[in-house]
Amino acid sequence: MTRQLSMSAILVLSLGLGSCVPWTVRPIDADKDSSTGAATVNPAAYVDSIWTPKLVPAVLAAAVDARTLLDALSASPESARVRYGHQEPNGPVYFIVKGEGIVTSVDTRSRAGDGELQEGSNWEAAMAAAQFRLDNLTVIVDRNGLQQGDETERTVSLEPLAERWRAFGWAVKEVDGHDMDRLIGTFRSVPFESGRPSCVIAHTHKGRGVSFMEDRVEWHHRVPTSEELAEALTELDGAAI
């Protein structure tokens, strides 16, 4: 049965507040106990003092109703960008959107690059998922061994990656990421263990099927020229990838 949850929510796609600064900076010794000289900072209280009175009102003021934004985008994407969007030079356009709705389903699959797993926040989330027995959560790791500028193992080694996930309380399966039948079969078997989140490590080759791209680290970020794109599409048309 699909669980329905009435929800009034703000979907923050980007926080572009312009000149509004919703925080303050103060000396580190501002909260020292006058009798002992010891610091008495309460981080939770400090965050609360910023979040409710400053950050939430600023976000609400900047947010546009979802229906209004959709109508504006349908009428003129460029006008909607100028009126409601935020964009850094040469970057994507972001919007802050608010609205009300009913949650009828949730996609709990998460995709992660292997280089991304060098960031500690991923492992903090992994610990929390295991502690709370989130067996409806599945992480799919694209294990191609490349990241911005170099190989993952030359930057910060991730191996033994499967054992690391298992040590964090996850059930793990490894699969050839180019084998669609194996991938679909693996996805259909989640959760792998009751009470444990699932991790699928999909071993892949970046740029598979294009001779000048495959397993080349520079294509982690490079944009092909028109000629390179045409050549790549020609190779892919005749490739079994």
Protein backbone atom coordinates (compact mmCIF):
# COMPACT_ATOMS: atom_id res chain seq x y z
CA MET A 1 0.00 0.00 0.00
CA THR A 2 1.35 3.42 -0.91
CA ARG A 3 1.73 5.63 2.12
CA GLN A 4 0.31 9.11 1.63
CA LEU A 5 1.63 11.98 3.65
CA SER A 6 0.15 15.47 3.48
CA MET A 7 3.04 17.86 3.37
CA SER A 8 3.66 21.56 3.19
CA ALA A 9 7.24 21.90 2.10
CA ILE A 10 9.83 24.20 0.69
CA LEU A 11 12.06 22.69 -1.94
CA VAL A 12 15.32 24.60 -1.87
CA LEU A 13 17.04 24.12 -5.21
CA SER A 14 19.59 26.83 -4.51
CA LEU A 15 20.10 29.48 -1.89
CA GLY A 16 20.85 32.66 -3.80
CA LEU A 17 20.09 35.41 -1.31
CA GLY A 18 22.10 38.17 -2.93
CA SER A 19 23.17 40.69 -0.34
CA CYS A 20 21.15 39.10 2.48
CA VAL A 21 23.54 37.59 5.02
CA PRO A 22 21.58 35.35 7.43
CA TRP A 23 24.43 34.84 9.89
CA THR A 24 26.69 36.86 12.15
CA VAL A 25 30.38 36.59 12.98
CA ARG A 26 31.61 37.13 16.49
CA PRO A 27 34.86 36.60 18.43
CA ILE A 28 35.53 33.04 19.56
CA ASP A 29 35.78 34.14 23.17
CA ALA A 30 32.40 35.90 23.18
CA ASP A 31 30.78 33.11 25.20
CA LYS A 32 33.49 32.58 27.79
CA ASP A 33 32.34 32.03 31.32
CA SER A 34 33.31 35.21 33.19
CA SER A 35 34.27 33.26 36.33
CA THR A 36 36.41 30.52 34.76
CA GLY A 37 37.37 31.93 31.38
CA ALA A 38 36.27 28.66 29.76
CA ALA A 39 34.34 28.69 26.49
CA THR A 40 30.63 27.96 26.90
CA VAL A 41 29.50 27.87 23.29
CA ASN A 42 26.29 25.91 22.67
CA PRO A 43 26.43 25.02 18.95
CA ALA A 44 22.83 23.77 18.77
CA ALA A 45 21.45 26.91 20.37
CA TYR A 46 23.61 29.09 18.13
CA VAL A 47 22.31 27.34 14.99
CA ASP A 48 18.71 27.65 16.27
CA SER A 49 19.22 31.36 16.80
CA ILE A 50 20.14 31.71 13.12
CA TRP A 51 17.88 29.15 11.44
CA THR A 52 14.38 30.20 12.55
CA PRO A 53 14.62 34.00 12.80
CA LYS A 54 16.99 34.60 9.87
CA LEU A 55 17.49 31.74 7.42
CA VAL A 56 13.91 30.42 7.11
CA PRO A 57 12.36 33.88 6.51
CA ALA A 58 15.05 34.68 3.93
CA VAL A 59 14.36 31.44 2.05
CA LEU A 60 10.59 31.97 2.18
CA ALA A 61 10.98 35.50 0.85
CA ALA A 62 13.12 34.28 -2.06
CA ALA A 63 10.99 31.21 -2.91
CA VAL A 64 8.55 31.16 -5.81
CA ASP A 65 5.39 29.06 -5.89
CA ALA A 66 5.95 25.88 -7.90
CA ARG A 67 2.86 26.42 -10.10
CA THR A 68 3.92 29.98 -10.86
CA LEU A 69 7.40 28.84 -11.85
CA LEU A 70 6.12 26.01 -14.06
CA ASP A 71 3.78 28.38 -15.87
CA ALA A 72 6.58 30.91 -16.32
CA LEU A 73 8.95 28.27 -17.68
CA SER A 74 6.28 27.08 -20.13
CA ALA A 75 5.69 30.63 -21.36
CA SER A 76 9.33 31.72 -21.63
CA PRO A 77 12.28 29.87 -20.06
CA GLU A 78 14.53 32.91 -20.52
CA SER A 79 12.08 35.27 -18.81
CA ALA A 80 11.62 32.77 -15.97
CA ARG A 81 15.39 32.55 -15.56
CA VAL A 82 15.76 36.31 -15.34
CA ARG A 83 12.81 36.79 -12.97
CA TYR A 84 13.12 33.79 -10.65
CA GLY A 85 16.47 32.11 -11.28
CA HIS A 86 19.98 32.38 -9.93
CA GLN A 87 22.96 31.64 -12.14
CA GLU A 88 26.70 31.90 -11.71
CA PRO A 89 28.71 32.75 -14.85
CA ASN A 90 28.56 29.80 -17.29
CA GLY A 91 26.77 27.71 -14.65
CA PRO A 92 23.32 26.07 -14.47
CA VAL A 93 20.22 27.97 -13.41
CA TYR A 94 18.83 27.30 -9.92
CA PHE A 95 15.47 28.18 -8.40
CA ILE A 96 14.09 28.24 -4.85
CA VAL A 97 10.62 26.68 -5.00
CA LYS A 98 7.82 26.30 -2.46
CA GLY A 99 4.53 24.45 -2.63
CA GLU A 100 2.12 22.02 -1.03
CA GLY A 101 1.41 18.47 -2.11
CA ILE A 102 0.92 14.84 -1.18
CA VAL A 103 3.89 12.46 -1.14
CA THR A 104 2.71 9.26 -2.79
CA SER A 105 6.04 7.52 -3.30
CA VAL A 106 9.71 8.00 -2.52
CA ASP A 107 12.73 6.97 -4.59
CA THR A 108 15.33 5.83 -2.07
CA ARG A 109 17.99 4.90 -4.62
CA SER A 110 21.11 7.04 -4.50
CA ARG A 111 23.87 7.22 -7.10
CA ALA A 112 27.46 7.91 -6.05
CA GLY A 113 30.71 8.27 -7.92
CA ASP A 114 33.70 6.43 -6.49
CA GLY A 115 35.78 9.61 -6.20
CA GLU A 116 32.91 11.15 -4.27
CA LEU A 117 33.39 8.47 -1.59
CA GLN A 118 36.60 10.17 -0.51
CA GLU A 119 34.37 12.75 1.18
CA GLY A 120 33.61 12.10 4.83
CA SER A 121 29.95 13.17 4.63
CA ASN A 122 29.20 10.03 2.60
CA TRP A 123 30.46 7.78 5.38
CA GLU A 124 28.59 9.76 8.03
CA ALA A 125 25.40 9.10 6.07
CA ALA A 126 26.36 5.44 5.65
CA MET A 127 26.76 5.03 9.40
CA ALA A 128 23.39 6.65 10.06
CA ALA A 129 21.63 4.48 7.48
CA ALA A 130 22.98 1.32 9.05
CA GLN A 131 22.15 2.46 12.59
CA PHE A 132 18.55 3.17 11.65
CA ARG A 133 18.25 -0.11 9.67
CA LEU A 134 17.19 1.62 6.45
CA ASP A 135 16.82 -1.49 4.31
CA ASN A 136 14.71 0.49 1.82
CA LEU A 137 17.82 2.52 0.92
CA THR A 138 20.09 1.46 -1.95
CA VAL A 139 23.36 3.14 -2.97
CA ILE A 140 24.72 2.45 -6.46
CA VAL A 141 28.45 3.18 -6.74
CA ASP A 142 29.85 3.85 -10.22
CA ARG A 143 33.25 2.23 -9.72
CA ASN A 144 35.20 3.41 -12.77
CA GLY A 145 38.40 4.28 -10.89
CA LEU A 146 38.66 7.82 -12.25
CA GLN A 147 37.98 11.21 -10.74
CA GLN A 148 38.78 14.85 -11.45
CA GLY A 149 42.44 14.94 -12.43
CA ASP A 150 43.64 11.41 -11.63
CA GLU A 151 42.83 7.81 -10.73
CA THR A 152 40.99 7.32 -7.45
CA GLU A 153 43.63 4.96 -6.09
CA ARG A 154 46.41 7.49 -6.75
CA THR A 155 44.43 10.20 -4.97
CA VAL A 156 42.96 8.55 -1.86
CA SER A 157 42.67 4.78 -2.11
CA LEU A 158 39.18 3.35 -1.64
CA GLU A 159 40.01 -0.34 -1.63
CA PRO A 160 38.86 -2.69 -0.28
CA LEU A 161 35.67 -0.77 -1.10
CA ALA A 162 33.17 -3.59 -0.65
CA GLU A 163 34.62 -4.47 2.75
CA ARG A 164 34.47 -0.84 3.82
CA TRP A 165 30.73 -0.73 3.10
CA ARG A 166 30.23 -4.02 4.93
CA ALA A 167 32.17 -2.67 7.91
CA PHE A 168 29.73 0.25 7.99
CA GLY A 169 26.82 -2.20 8.28
CA TRP A 170 25.67 -2.45 4.66
CA ALA A 171 24.84 -5.51 2.56
CA VAL A 172 26.96 -5.37 -0.61
CA LYS A 173 26.93 -6.89 -4.09
CA GLU A 174 29.42 -6.21 -6.89
CA VAL A 175 28.38 -6.38 -10.53
CA ASP A 176 29.59 -5.57 -14.05
CA GLY A 177 28.07 -2.14 -14.57
CA HIS A 178 27.87 -2.66 -18.33
CA ASP A 179 25.79 -5.86 -18.02
CA MET A 180 22.21 -4.59 -18.04
CA ASP A 181 20.67 -8.00 -17.29
CA ARG A 182 22.89 -8.45 -14.25
CA LEU A 183 22.17 -4.92 -13.08
CA ILE A 184 18.41 -5.30 -13.37
CA GLY A 185 18.52 -8.65 -11.60
CA THR A 186 20.58 -7.13 -8.79
CA PHE A 187 18.21 -4.17 -8.39
CA ARG A 188 15.25 -6.52 -8.20
CA SER A 189 16.85 -8.41 -5.32
CA VAL A 190 17.09 -5.45 -2.92
CA PRO A 191 17.10 -5.35 0.01
CA PHE A 192 19.91 -7.89 0.06
CA GLU A 193 19.44 -8.42 3.81
CA SER A 194 16.56 -7.48 6.07
CA GLY A 195 17.47 -4.58 8.35
CA ARG A 196 20.53 -3.51 6.32
CA PRO A 197 20.80 -0.86 3.60
CA SER A 198 22.04 -2.20 0.25
CA CYS A 199 25.11 -1.15 -1.72
CA VAL A 200 25.61 -2.09 -5.39
CA ILE A 201 29.17 -1.56 -6.61
CA ALA A 202 28.92 -1.36 -10.40
CA HIS A 203 32.34 -1.78 -12.04
CA THR A 204 32.44 0.34 -15.20
CA HIS A 205 34.82 1.90 -17.72
CA LYS A 206 34.40 5.63 -18.23
CA GLY A 207 33.78 6.42 -21.89
CA ARG A 208 33.08 2.76 -22.73
CA GLY A 209 32.80 2.20 -26.47
CA VAL A 210 34.61 5.37 -27.59
CA SER A 211 38.25 4.65 -28.38
CA PHE A 212 39.66 8.06 -27.50
CA MET A 213 37.60 8.42 -24.30
CA GLU A 214 37.60 5.00 -22.65
CA ASP A 215 39.48 4.94 -19.32
CA ARG A 216 40.99 8.38 -20.03
CA VAL A 217 40.98 10.59 -16.95
CA GLU A 218 40.70 13.87 -18.87
CA TRP A 219 37.24 12.86 -20.09
CA HIS A 220 35.97 13.05 -16.55
CA HIS A 221 35.42 16.74 -17.20
CA ARG A 222 36.23 17.50 -20.85
CA VAL A 223 33.55 18.66 -23.30
CA PRO A 224 33.95 17.17 -26.79
CA THR A 225 34.27 19.36 -29.84
CA SER A 226 31.74 18.97 -32.64
CA GLU A 227 34.18 16.75 -34.51
CA GLU A 228 34.88 14.58 -31.46
CA LEU A 229 31.17 14.23 -30.79
CA ALA A 230 30.51 13.09 -34.34
CA GLU A 231 33.34 10.55 -34.12
CA ALA A 232 32.11 9.25 -30.75
CA LEU A 233 28.55 8.79 -32.03
CA THR A 234 29.87 6.95 -35.08
CA GLU A 235 31.86 4.56 -32.88
CA LEU A 236 28.93 4.01 -30.52
CA ASP A 237 26.61 3.15 -33.40
CA GLY A 238 28.73 0.11 -34.16
CA ALA A 239 29.89 -0.76 -30.65
CA ALA A 240 28.72 -3.50 -28.31
CA ILE A 241 29.12 -1.74 -24.96
